[in-house]
Amino acid sequence: MEFPAYRPRRLRRTSALRAMVRETTLDAADLIYPLFVVFGKNVRREVSSMPGVFNLSLDQLPAEIDELKSLGIPAVILFGIPDTKDEAGSGAFAEDGIVQQAIRVIKEHDPDFTVVTDVCMCEYTSHGHCGALDEHGCVMNDVTLEMLASTAVSHAEAGADMVAPSDMMDGRVAAIRAALDAEGYGDIPIMAYSAKYASAYYGPFRDAADSAPAFGDRRAYQMDAANTEEALRETALDIAEGADIVMVKPALAYMDIIRRVKDEFGYPTAAYNVSGEYAMVKAAAANGWIDERRVVLETLTGFKRAGADLILTYHAKDAAKWLEEG
């Protein structure tokens, strides 16, 4: 058998050669670290289903930001856990809400560090759904838009650099864009959770944020895992309404969606490496079944290869350390 003149193994022979022809690069600057903030003092409470992830009180945030900055991680996304909840989720848009206070603490400590905020109602409503409910227990889309817009404006007022609506209400990007512009925050970008699926991978997050629905589920407003074309329609709507960055969530089982979104629109694209994906890796590593470092870096590189420009991940700290070590 005669071999062709081109032999791919020639460029795999040494680490230097492999690096020279590497098509995809992963850097700490690609990562956004999720933070769960709570009221109280000296709170650093590990999430039982997410080893290495903590609920943090406001006084813990400066040290956390210093660590992230030292690792080259440029941004956090904030999720708030209020002391009390009500039907209207009023803690989401309260001037002294937990996220609003967290933004101020971070910005006072380091004005240049980038703060992104999750905009949703599920952590704040007593029923755990992502908006206001009607008498039948269904989320009212247009009423919820007003709540989301108020929340986004309150985050901008507190000093947020970017808002990220995750609720999957129809028209929420337009509502938030209009509200921000009307209040003089036209420069605040929106990172839209554009293709957010009703996924089983969210379980550990709901432990961390105390946001599990009190009844039913979220399939009436989050996407069906079987759908691809719908993801493109959702993304097109968000871009038309004013989104600056679009997101696919979850990431691991949806890399085909990341690729299609990137190819179709060419927009800055984020992938959310969600809590269940993180927890599975941690559990397997704890049992000695996998090499955690190699699996994490391979997975994050896969998201980049699929088309993600940004990755929201609980692995961010470890990944940044491993990348620095080479």
Foldseek 3Di string as FASTA:
>chain_A
DDDDPDDVCVQVVDPVSCVVPDDFDDALQQEEEEAEEEADPPAFAAQPLFPPHTHYYLVCPLVVVVLSVVLVNQEYEYDYAYPAAELALVLLQDLPRRLLVSLLSNCVNPVRRAYEYEQFRLNHHPQLAGGHADPVRDHDQPRRLVVSLSNLCSNVVSPHQEYEYDRQRPPNLLSNCVSCVVVPNNNHAYEYQQQFAQDPLAVSVCSSSVRAGNDDGNPVRHDHPVDQVVSLVSVVSNVVSGHQEYEYPAPQVCLLNLLVNCVVPVGAYEHEPHDSNSSVLVVCVVVVNDDSLVVVVVRVSSSVVSPHSHYYDNCSSVNSVVVVVD
